[in-house]
Amino acid sequence: MTEQHKHCPMCGKPIPLDETFCSPKCAQIAMENQIKIQRSRRIIYIILILIIVAWLYFFVLRGRGI
């Protein structure tokens, strides 16, 4: 029977239960991926805000003749 373990979220290697990643390289890759996800989210939020502002300008403010 195998001893209790979990797997590295980046590469899938078996690791002890008290570890998060199997190596500093996998931890670094995970951190870089998290930063990319946060950057993408910010860009999407900015684009969404710009679309809402443009919609408000063209359909609400311009529609009233302001």
N, C-alpha and C. Protein backbone atom coordinates (compact mmCIF):
# COMPACT_ATOMS: atom_id res chain seq x y z
N MET A 1 0.84 -1.18 0.00
CA MET A 1 0.00 0.00 0.00
C MET A 1 0.89 1.25 0.00
N THR A 2 0.48 2.29 -0.72
CA THR A 2 1.27 3.52 -0.79
C THR A 2 0.97 4.41 0.41
N GLU A 3 1.95 5.21 0.79
CA GLU A 3 1.73 6.11 1.91
C GLU A 3 0.91 7.32 1.45
N GLN A 4 0.32 8.03 2.40
CA GLN A 4 -0.52 9.18 2.10
C GLN A 4 0.30 10.25 1.37
N HIS A 5 -0.25 10.78 0.31
CA HIS A 5 0.41 11.83 -0.45
C HIS A 5 -0.62 12.60 -1.25
N LYS A 6 -0.16 13.67 -1.83
CA LYS A 6 -0.97 14.42 -2.78
C LYS A 6 -0.08 14.69 -3.98
N HIS A 7 -0.61 15.39 -4.98
CA HIS A 7 0.15 15.61 -6.20
C HIS A 7 0.39 17.10 -6.42
N CYS A 8 1.55 17.39 -7.00
CA CYS A 8 1.91 18.76 -7.34
C CYS A 8 0.88 19.30 -8.34
N PRO A 9 0.30 20.48 -8.07
CA PRO A 9 -0.70 21.03 -9.00
C PRO A 9 -0.14 21.42 -10.36
N MET A 10 1.17 21.57 -10.47
CA MET A 10 1.76 21.98 -11.75
C MET A 10 2.17 20.79 -12.61
N CYS A 11 2.86 19.81 -12.02
CA CYS A 11 3.40 18.72 -12.83
C CYS A 11 2.78 17.36 -12.51
N GLY A 12 2.09 17.25 -11.38
CA GLY A 12 1.41 16.00 -11.05
C GLY A 12 2.26 14.99 -10.31
N LYS A 13 3.50 15.32 -9.94
CA LYS A 13 4.35 14.39 -9.21
C LYS A 13 3.80 14.21 -7.80
N PRO A 14 3.93 13.01 -7.24
CA PRO A 14 3.51 12.80 -5.85
C PRO A 14 4.40 13.61 -4.90
N ILE A 15 3.77 14.25 -3.91
CA ILE A 15 4.50 15.03 -2.91
C ILE A 15 3.91 14.74 -1.54
N PRO A 16 4.65 15.00 -0.46
CA PRO A 16 4.11 14.81 0.89
C PRO A 16 2.92 15.74 1.14
N LEU A 17 2.10 15.37 2.10
CA LEU A 17 0.89 16.15 2.39
C LEU A 17 1.20 17.57 2.86
N ASP A 18 2.35 17.77 3.49
CA ASP A 18 2.65 19.10 4.01
C ASP A 18 3.32 20.02 2.99
N GLU A 19 3.58 19.55 1.80
CA GLU A 19 4.18 20.37 0.74
C GLU A 19 3.09 20.91 -0.17
N THR A 20 3.37 22.05 -0.81
CA THR A 20 2.43 22.63 -1.76
C THR A 20 2.84 22.31 -3.20
N PHE A 21 4.14 22.40 -3.48
CA PHE A 21 4.69 22.10 -4.80
C PHE A 21 5.87 21.15 -4.64
N CYS A 22 6.24 20.50 -5.72
CA CYS A 22 7.34 19.54 -5.65
C CYS A 22 8.70 20.22 -5.72
N SER A 23 8.77 21.43 -6.28
CA SER A 23 10.05 22.11 -6.42
C SER A 23 9.83 23.62 -6.50
N PRO A 24 10.88 24.37 -6.28
CA PRO A 24 10.76 25.83 -6.44
C PRO A 24 10.39 26.22 -7.87
N LYS A 25 10.80 25.42 -8.85
CA LYS A 25 10.47 25.71 -10.24
C LYS A 25 8.95 25.66 -10.45
N CYS A 26 8.29 24.62 -9.91
CA CYS A 26 6.83 24.53 -10.03
C CYS A 26 6.14 25.67 -9.28
N ALA A 27 6.68 26.05 -8.12
CA ALA A 27 6.11 27.17 -7.37
C ALA A 27 6.24 28.47 -8.16
N GLN A 28 7.37 28.66 -8.82
CA GLN A 28 7.59 29.86 -9.63
C GLN A 28 6.64 29.89 -10.82
N ILE A 29 6.46 28.77 -11.48
CA ILE A 29 5.54 28.69 -12.62
C ILE A 29 4.11 29.01 -12.17
N ALA A 30 3.72 28.48 -11.00
CA ALA A 30 2.38 28.74 -10.49
C ALA A 30 2.20 30.22 -10.18
N MET A 31 3.22 30.86 -9.60
CA MET A 31 3.14 32.28 -9.28
C MET A 31 3.03 33.11 -10.57
N GLU A 32 3.82 32.76 -11.59
CA GLU A 32 3.76 33.47 -12.86
C GLU A 32 2.38 33.32 -13.51
N ASN A 33 1.81 32.13 -13.44
CA ASN A 33 0.47 31.91 -13.99
C ASN A 33 -0.57 32.74 -13.25
N GLN A 34 -0.43 32.83 -11.93
CA GLN A 34 -1.37 33.62 -11.14
C GLN A 34 -1.28 35.11 -11.51
N ILE A 35 -0.08 35.60 -11.74
CA ILE A 35 0.11 37.00 -12.13
C ILE A 35 -0.52 37.25 -13.50
N LYS A 36 -0.35 36.31 -14.43
CA LYS A 36 -0.96 36.45 -15.77
C LYS A 36 -2.48 36.48 -15.67
N ILE A 37 -3.04 35.64 -14.82
CA ILE A 37 -4.50 35.60 -14.65
C ILE A 37 -4.99 36.93 -14.08
N GLN A 38 -4.30 37.47 -13.07
CA GLN A 38 -4.70 38.74 -12.48
C GLN A 38 -4.61 39.87 -13.51
N ARG A 39 -3.56 39.88 -14.32
CA ARG A 39 -3.40 40.90 -15.35
C ARG A 39 -4.54 40.81 -16.37
N SER A 40 -4.86 39.60 -16.79
CA SER A 40 -5.95 39.41 -17.76
C SER A 40 -7.27 39.88 -17.19
N ARG A 41 -7.52 39.57 -15.91
CA ARG A 41 -8.76 40.01 -15.27
C ARG A 41 -8.87 41.53 -15.24
N ARG A 42 -7.77 42.19 -14.89
CA ARG A 42 -7.78 43.66 -14.87
C ARG A 42 -8.08 44.23 -16.24
N ILE A 43 -7.48 43.67 -17.27
CA ILE A 43 -7.72 44.14 -18.64
C ILE A 43 -9.17 43.95 -19.02
N ILE A 44 -9.75 42.81 -18.68
CA ILE A 44 -11.16 42.56 -18.99
C ILE A 44 -12.05 43.54 -18.25
N TYR A 45 -11.76 43.82 -16.97
CA TYR A 45 -12.56 44.78 -16.21
C TYR A 45 -12.46 46.18 -16.80
N ILE A 46 -11.26 46.58 -17.22
CA ILE A 46 -11.09 47.90 -17.82
C ILE A 46 -11.87 48.01 -19.13
N ILE A 47 -11.80 46.97 -19.96
CA ILE A 47 -12.55 46.96 -21.22
C ILE A 47 -14.05 47.03 -20.94
N LEU A 48 -14.52 46.28 -19.96
CA LEU A 48 -15.94 46.29 -19.62
C LEU A 48 -16.37 47.68 -19.15
N ILE A 49 -15.56 48.31 -18.33
CA ILE A 49 -15.89 49.67 -17.87
C ILE A 49 -15.92 50.65 -19.04
N LEU A 50 -14.96 50.53 -19.96
CA LEU A 50 -14.96 51.41 -21.13
C LEU A 50 -16.20 51.21 -21.99
N ILE A 51 -16.63 49.97 -22.15
CA ILE A 51 -17.85 49.69 -22.93
C ILE A 51 -19.06 50.31 -22.25
N ILE A 52 -19.15 50.19 -20.92
CA ILE A 52 -20.29 50.76 -20.20
C ILE A 52 -20.28 52.29 -20.30
N VAL A 53 -19.12 52.90 -20.17
CA VAL A 53 -19.03 54.35 -20.28
C VAL A 53 -19.41 54.80 -21.69
N ALA A 54 -18.95 54.08 -22.71
CA ALA A 54 -19.30 54.43 -24.09
C ALA A 54 -20.80 54.26 -24.30
N TRP A 55 -21.38 53.21 -23.76
CA TRP A 55 -22.82 52.99 -23.90
C TRP A 55 -23.59 54.12 -23.23
N LEU A 56 -23.16 54.48 -22.01
CA LEU A 56 -23.83 55.58 -21.33
C LEU A 56 -23.73 56.87 -22.12
N TYR A 57 -22.58 57.13 -22.69
CA TYR A 57 -22.40 58.37 -23.45
C TYR A 57 -23.29 58.39 -24.69
N PHE A 58 -23.24 57.34 -25.48
CA PHE A 58 -23.95 57.34 -26.75
C PHE A 58 -25.46 57.18 -26.62
N PHE A 59 -25.92 56.38 -25.66
CA PHE A 59 -27.36 56.10 -25.60
C PHE A 59 -28.10 56.90 -24.54
N VAL A 60 -27.43 57.35 -23.54
CA VAL A 60 -28.12 58.08 -22.47
C VAL A 60 -27.87 59.58 -22.61
N LEU A 61 -26.64 60.00 -22.61
CA LEU A 61 -26.35 61.43 -22.64
C LEU A 61 -26.60 62.03 -24.02
N ARG A 62 -26.17 61.37 -25.08
CA ARG A 62 -26.39 61.91 -26.43
C ARG A 62 -27.84 61.79 -26.84
N GLY A 63 -28.54 60.81 -26.33
CA GLY A 63 -29.94 60.63 -26.67
C GLY A 63 -30.81 61.76 -26.15
N ARG A 64 -30.37 62.40 -25.05
CA ARG A 64 -31.12 63.50 -24.48
C ARG A 64 -30.72 64.84 -25.07
N GLY A 65 -29.67 64.84 -25.87
CA GLY A 65 -29.21 66.10 -26.47
C GLY A 65 -28.30 66.89 -25.55
N ILE A 66 -27.72 66.23 -24.59
CA ILE A 66 -26.83 66.92 -23.64
C ILE A 66 -25.42 66.99 -24.21
